[in-house]
Amino acid sequence: MSAVRERARPSSDAIEACARRRGVAPVGAPASQASARPPGRFRRALGWTLIGLFAYLFVEALVLPPARQPSVFAAVGAIRLYQSVLSPSVGRVVTCKFRPTCSHYGAGAIEKYGTVVGTARTFGRLWRCSPWGPPPGEDQP
């Protein structure tokens, strides 16, 4: 017959340390010590989601012309929604120093250059529209 070795039981300190690493309450501890998920799990998932989104956008920009990119339709649709819902109320308080306005410039730049380059040009325009930018005038996409 073969001898059966008995496994050593981990100490209670080791069990508590493992439970802390996993973000759960140790056995016998109050439930208030438990967290719903480990601390870095959400950030890691968000990071991978953003990496996947940027990878998709760059592949889309390399493969499709701007007029056929699905992300262009989504971005321009979001800008048009902003123009119809928020812009009328914000426009009373803040005025744009360029013509066309920043939202019209952004929609035109995204339609002309695609999502990646158009968004970069839009952020450049928003920076120029700040108080530290050049004097007002005509600025076409």
C-alpha atoms as a PDB file:
ATOM      1  CA  MET A   1       0.000   0.000   0.000  1.00  0.00           C
ATOM      2  CA  SER A   2       1.087   3.481  -0.676  1.00  0.00           C
ATOM      3  CA  ALA A   3       1.363   5.932   2.085  1.00  0.00           C
ATOM      4  CA  VAL A   4      -0.946   8.926   1.833  1.00  0.00           C
ATOM      5  CA  ARG A   5       0.697  12.150   2.827  1.00  0.00           C
ATOM      6  CA  GLU A   6      -1.380  14.640   4.675  1.00  0.00           C
ATOM      7  CA  ARG A   7      -1.289  18.178   3.271  1.00  0.00           C
ATOM      8  CA  ALA A   8      -0.208  20.894   5.632  1.00  0.00           C
ATOM      9  CA  ARG A   9      -2.907  23.403   6.342  1.00  0.00           C
ATOM     10  CA  PRO A  10      -1.989  27.058   5.647  1.00  0.00           C
ATOM     11  CA  SER A  11      -1.835  29.364   8.607  1.00  0.00           C
ATOM     12  CA  SER A  12      -4.603  31.836   9.301  1.00  0.00           C
ATOM     13  CA  ASP A  13      -2.228  34.715   8.453  1.00  0.00           C
ATOM     14  CA  ALA A  14      -1.623  33.235   5.005  1.00  0.00           C
ATOM     15  CA  ILE A  15      -5.363  32.822   4.456  1.00  0.00           C
ATOM     16  CA  GLU A  16      -6.040  36.438   5.456  1.00  0.00           C
ATOM     17  CA  ALA A  17      -3.227  37.719   3.216  1.00  0.00           C
ATOM     18  CA  CYS A  18      -4.619  35.759   0.271  1.00  0.00           C
ATOM     19  CA  ALA A  19      -8.125  37.085   0.941  1.00  0.00           C
ATOM     20  CA  ARG A  20      -6.825  40.672   1.057  1.00  0.00           C
ATOM     21  CA  ARG A  21      -5.038  40.215  -2.284  1.00  0.00           C
ATOM     22  CA  ARG A  22      -8.241  38.918  -3.859  1.00  0.00           C
ATOM     23  CA  GLY A  23     -10.368  41.675  -2.349  1.00  0.00           C
ATOM     24  CA  VAL A  24     -12.687  39.369  -0.387  1.00  0.00           C
ATOM     25  CA  ALA A  25     -13.371  39.129   3.311  1.00  0.00           C
ATOM     26  CA  PRO A  26     -11.498  36.392   5.157  1.00  0.00           C
ATOM     27  CA  VAL A  27     -13.544  33.560   6.640  1.00  0.00           C
ATOM     28  CA  GLY A  28     -15.267  34.712   9.805  1.00  0.00           C
ATOM     29  CA  ALA A  29     -14.753  38.424   9.060  1.00  0.00           C
ATOM     30  CA  PRO A  30     -17.700  40.830   8.764  1.00  0.00           C
ATOM     31  CA  ALA A  31     -19.104  41.227   5.244  1.00  0.00           C
ATOM     32  CA  SER A  32     -18.258  44.951   5.287  1.00  0.00           C
ATOM     33  CA  GLN A  33     -14.596  44.060   4.755  1.00  0.00           C
ATOM     34  CA  ALA A  34     -15.339  42.458   1.385  1.00  0.00           C
ATOM     35  CA  SER A  35     -15.152  44.457  -1.812  1.00  0.00           C
ATOM     36  CA  ALA A  36     -17.157  43.652  -4.904  1.00  0.00           C
ATOM     37  CA  ARG A  37     -14.097  42.968  -7.069  1.00  0.00           C
ATOM     38  CA  PRO A  38     -10.347  43.241  -6.828  1.00  0.00           C
ATOM     39  CA  PRO A  39      -9.071  46.849  -6.875  1.00  0.00           C
ATOM     40  CA  GLY A  40      -7.381  47.004 -10.293  1.00  0.00           C
ATOM     41  CA  ARG A  41      -9.811  44.874 -12.258  1.00  0.00           C
ATOM     42  CA  PHE A  42     -12.032  47.714 -13.517  1.00  0.00           C
ATOM     43  CA  ARG A  43      -9.086  49.891 -14.550  1.00  0.00           C
ATOM     44  CA  ARG A  44      -7.479  46.980 -16.365  1.00  0.00           C
ATOM     45  CA  ALA A  45     -10.729  46.230 -18.231  1.00  0.00           C
ATOM     46  CA  LEU A  46     -11.167  49.895 -19.109  1.00  0.00           C
ATOM     47  CA  GLY A  47      -7.587  50.074 -20.358  1.00  0.00           C
ATOM     48  CA  TRP A  48      -8.022  47.059 -22.641  1.00  0.00           C
ATOM     49  CA  THR A  49     -11.315  48.449 -23.920  1.00  0.00           C
ATOM     50  CA  LEU A  50      -9.689  51.768 -24.833  1.00  0.00           C
ATOM     51  CA  ILE A  51      -6.753  49.998 -26.492  1.00  0.00           C
ATOM     52  CA  GLY A  52      -9.203  47.943 -28.554  1.00  0.00           C
ATOM     53  CA  LEU A  53     -11.162  51.055 -29.531  1.00  0.00           C
ATOM     54  CA  PHE A  54      -8.043  52.928 -30.657  1.00  0.00           C
ATOM     55  CA  ALA A  55      -6.790  49.885 -32.571  1.00  0.00           C
ATOM     56  CA  TYR A  56     -10.138  49.638 -34.368  1.00  0.00           C
ATOM     57  CA  LEU A  57     -10.107  53.344 -35.232  1.00  0.00           C
ATOM     58  CA  PHE A  58      -6.585  53.202 -36.646  1.00  0.00           C
ATOM     59  CA  VAL A  59      -7.309  50.094 -38.723  1.00  0.00           C
ATOM     60  CA  GLU A  60     -10.519  51.705 -39.933  1.00  0.00           C
ATOM     61  CA  ALA A  61      -8.595  54.851 -40.902  1.00  0.00           C
ATOM     62  CA  LEU A  62      -6.081  52.794 -42.884  1.00  0.00           C
ATOM     63  CA  VAL A  63      -8.623  50.618 -44.696  1.00  0.00           C
ATOM     64  CA  LEU A  64     -11.688  52.773 -45.386  1.00  0.00           C
ATOM     65  CA  PRO A  65     -12.011  56.252 -46.911  1.00  0.00           C
ATOM     66  CA  PRO A  66     -13.514  58.856 -44.532  1.00  0.00           C
ATOM     67  CA  ALA A  67     -16.884  58.841 -46.299  1.00  0.00           C
ATOM     68  CA  ARG A  68     -17.378  55.105 -45.524  1.00  0.00           C
ATOM     69  CA  GLN A  69     -16.084  54.924 -41.934  1.00  0.00           C
ATOM     70  CA  PRO A  70     -18.826  53.965 -39.444  1.00  0.00           C
ATOM     71  CA  SER A  71     -17.099  55.933 -36.696  1.00  0.00           C
ATOM     72  CA  VAL A  72     -17.399  59.111 -38.801  1.00  0.00           C
ATOM     73  CA  PHE A  73     -21.178  58.755 -38.796  1.00  0.00           C
ATOM     74  CA  ALA A  74     -21.204  58.208 -35.026  1.00  0.00           C
ATOM     75  CA  ALA A  75     -18.898  61.173 -34.304  1.00  0.00           C
ATOM     76  CA  VAL A  76     -20.730  63.571 -36.611  1.00  0.00           C
ATOM     77  CA  GLY A  77     -24.055  62.366 -35.171  1.00  0.00           C
ATOM     78  CA  ALA A  78     -22.794  63.136 -31.651  1.00  0.00           C
ATOM     79  CA  ILE A  79     -21.718  66.619 -32.779  1.00  0.00           C
ATOM     80  CA  ARG A  80     -25.109  67.241 -34.428  1.00  0.00           C
ATOM     81  CA  LEU A  81     -26.844  66.092 -31.225  1.00  0.00           C
ATOM     82  CA  TYR A  82     -24.711  68.546 -29.239  1.00  0.00           C
ATOM     83  CA  GLN A  83     -25.568  71.328 -31.708  1.00  0.00           C
ATOM     84  CA  SER A  84     -29.299  70.720 -31.408  1.00  0.00           C
ATOM     85  CA  VAL A  85     -29.524  70.060 -27.647  1.00  0.00           C
ATOM     86  CA  LEU A  86     -26.714  71.778 -25.729  1.00  0.00           C
ATOM     87  CA  SER A  87     -25.375  74.452 -28.056  1.00  0.00           C
ATOM     88  CA  PRO A  88     -28.456  76.723 -27.945  1.00  0.00           C
ATOM     89  CA  SER A  89     -28.258  76.999 -24.155  1.00  0.00           C
ATOM     90  CA  VAL A  90     -24.448  77.278 -24.027  1.00  0.00           C
ATOM     91  CA  GLY A  91     -24.374  79.748 -26.926  1.00  0.00           C
ATOM     92  CA  ARG A  92     -26.086  82.403 -24.841  1.00  0.00           C
ATOM     93  CA  VAL A  93     -23.219  82.407 -22.351  1.00  0.00           C
ATOM     94  CA  VAL A  94     -20.157  81.564 -24.460  1.00  0.00           C
ATOM     95  CA  THR A  95     -19.493  82.809 -27.972  1.00  0.00           C
ATOM     96  CA  CYS A  96     -17.023  81.330 -30.414  1.00  0.00           C
ATOM     97  CA  LYS A  97     -14.352  83.690 -31.697  1.00  0.00           C
ATOM     98  CA  PHE A  98     -13.944  81.859 -35.016  1.00  0.00           C
ATOM     99  CA  ARG A  99     -16.221  81.292 -37.958  1.00  0.00           C
ATOM    100  CA  PRO A 100     -17.424  78.554 -38.499  1.00  0.00           C
ATOM    101  CA  THR A 101     -18.026  77.629 -34.872  1.00  0.00           C
ATOM    102  CA  CYS A 102     -15.918  74.906 -33.263  1.00  0.00           C
ATOM    103  CA  SER A 103     -18.668  72.288 -33.524  1.00  0.00           C
ATOM    104  CA  HIS A 104     -19.217  72.994 -37.240  1.00  0.00           C
ATOM    105  CA  TYR A 105     -15.446  72.914 -37.761  1.00  0.00           C
ATOM    106  CA  GLY A 106     -15.242  69.574 -35.944  1.00  0.00           C
ATOM    107  CA  ALA A 107     -18.031  68.009 -38.010  1.00  0.00           C
ATOM    108  CA  GLY A 108     -16.409  69.252 -41.236  1.00  0.00           C
ATOM    109  CA  ALA A 109     -12.937  68.061 -40.242  1.00  0.00           C
ATOM    110  CA  ILE A 110     -14.190  64.606 -39.257  1.00  0.00           C
ATOM    111  CA  GLU A 111     -16.175  64.274 -42.494  1.00  0.00           C
ATOM    112  CA  LYS A 112     -13.200  65.407 -44.587  1.00  0.00           C
ATOM    113  CA  TYR A 113     -10.270  63.648 -42.853  1.00  0.00           C
ATOM    114  CA  GLY A 114     -11.858  60.744 -40.966  1.00  0.00           C
ATOM    115  CA  THR A 115     -12.316  60.115 -37.263  1.00  0.00           C
ATOM    116  CA  VAL A 116      -8.699  59.972 -36.083  1.00  0.00           C
ATOM    117  CA  VAL A 117      -7.230  62.918 -37.987  1.00  0.00           C
ATOM    118  CA  GLY A 118     -10.465  64.942 -37.835  1.00  0.00           C
ATOM    119  CA  THR A 119     -10.663  64.578 -34.060  1.00  0.00           C
ATOM    120  CA  ALA A 120      -7.029  65.635 -33.707  1.00  0.00           C
ATOM    121  CA  ARG A 121      -7.693  68.697 -35.870  1.00  0.00           C
ATOM    122  CA  THR A 122     -10.807  69.469 -33.807  1.00  0.00           C
ATOM    123  CA  PHE A 123      -8.818  69.372 -30.563  1.00  0.00           C
ATOM    124  CA  GLY A 124      -6.278  71.719 -32.188  1.00  0.00           C
ATOM    125  CA  ARG A 125      -9.114  74.064 -33.088  1.00  0.00           C
ATOM    126  CA  LEU A 126     -10.483  73.947 -29.538  1.00  0.00           C
ATOM    127  CA  TRP A 127      -7.006  74.852 -28.256  1.00  0.00           C
ATOM    128  CA  ARG A 128      -6.834  77.799 -30.696  1.00  0.00           C
ATOM    129  CA  CYS A 129     -10.276  78.903 -29.521  1.00  0.00           C
ATOM    130  CA  SER A 130      -9.002  79.195 -25.945  1.00  0.00           C
ATOM    131  CA  PRO A 131      -7.907  82.571 -24.557  1.00  0.00           C
ATOM    132  CA  TRP A 132      -4.251  81.694 -25.292  1.00  0.00           C
ATOM    133  CA  GLY A 133      -4.939  81.131 -29.004  1.00  0.00           C
ATOM    134  CA  PRO A 134      -4.551  83.492 -31.981  1.00  0.00           C
ATOM    135  CA  PRO A 135      -6.877  86.438 -32.604  1.00  0.00           C
ATOM    136  CA  PRO A 136     -10.363  85.719 -33.993  1.00  0.00           C
ATOM    137  CA  GLY A 137     -10.998  85.274 -37.693  1.00  0.00           C
ATOM    138  CA  GLU A 138     -11.808  82.793 -40.436  1.00  0.00           C
ATOM    139  CA  ASP A 139     -10.585  79.216 -39.876  1.00  0.00           C
ATOM    140  CA  GLN A 140     -11.728  76.512 -42.305  1.00  0.00           C
ATOM    141  CA  PRO A 141     -11.190  72.760 -41.793  1.00  0.00           C
END
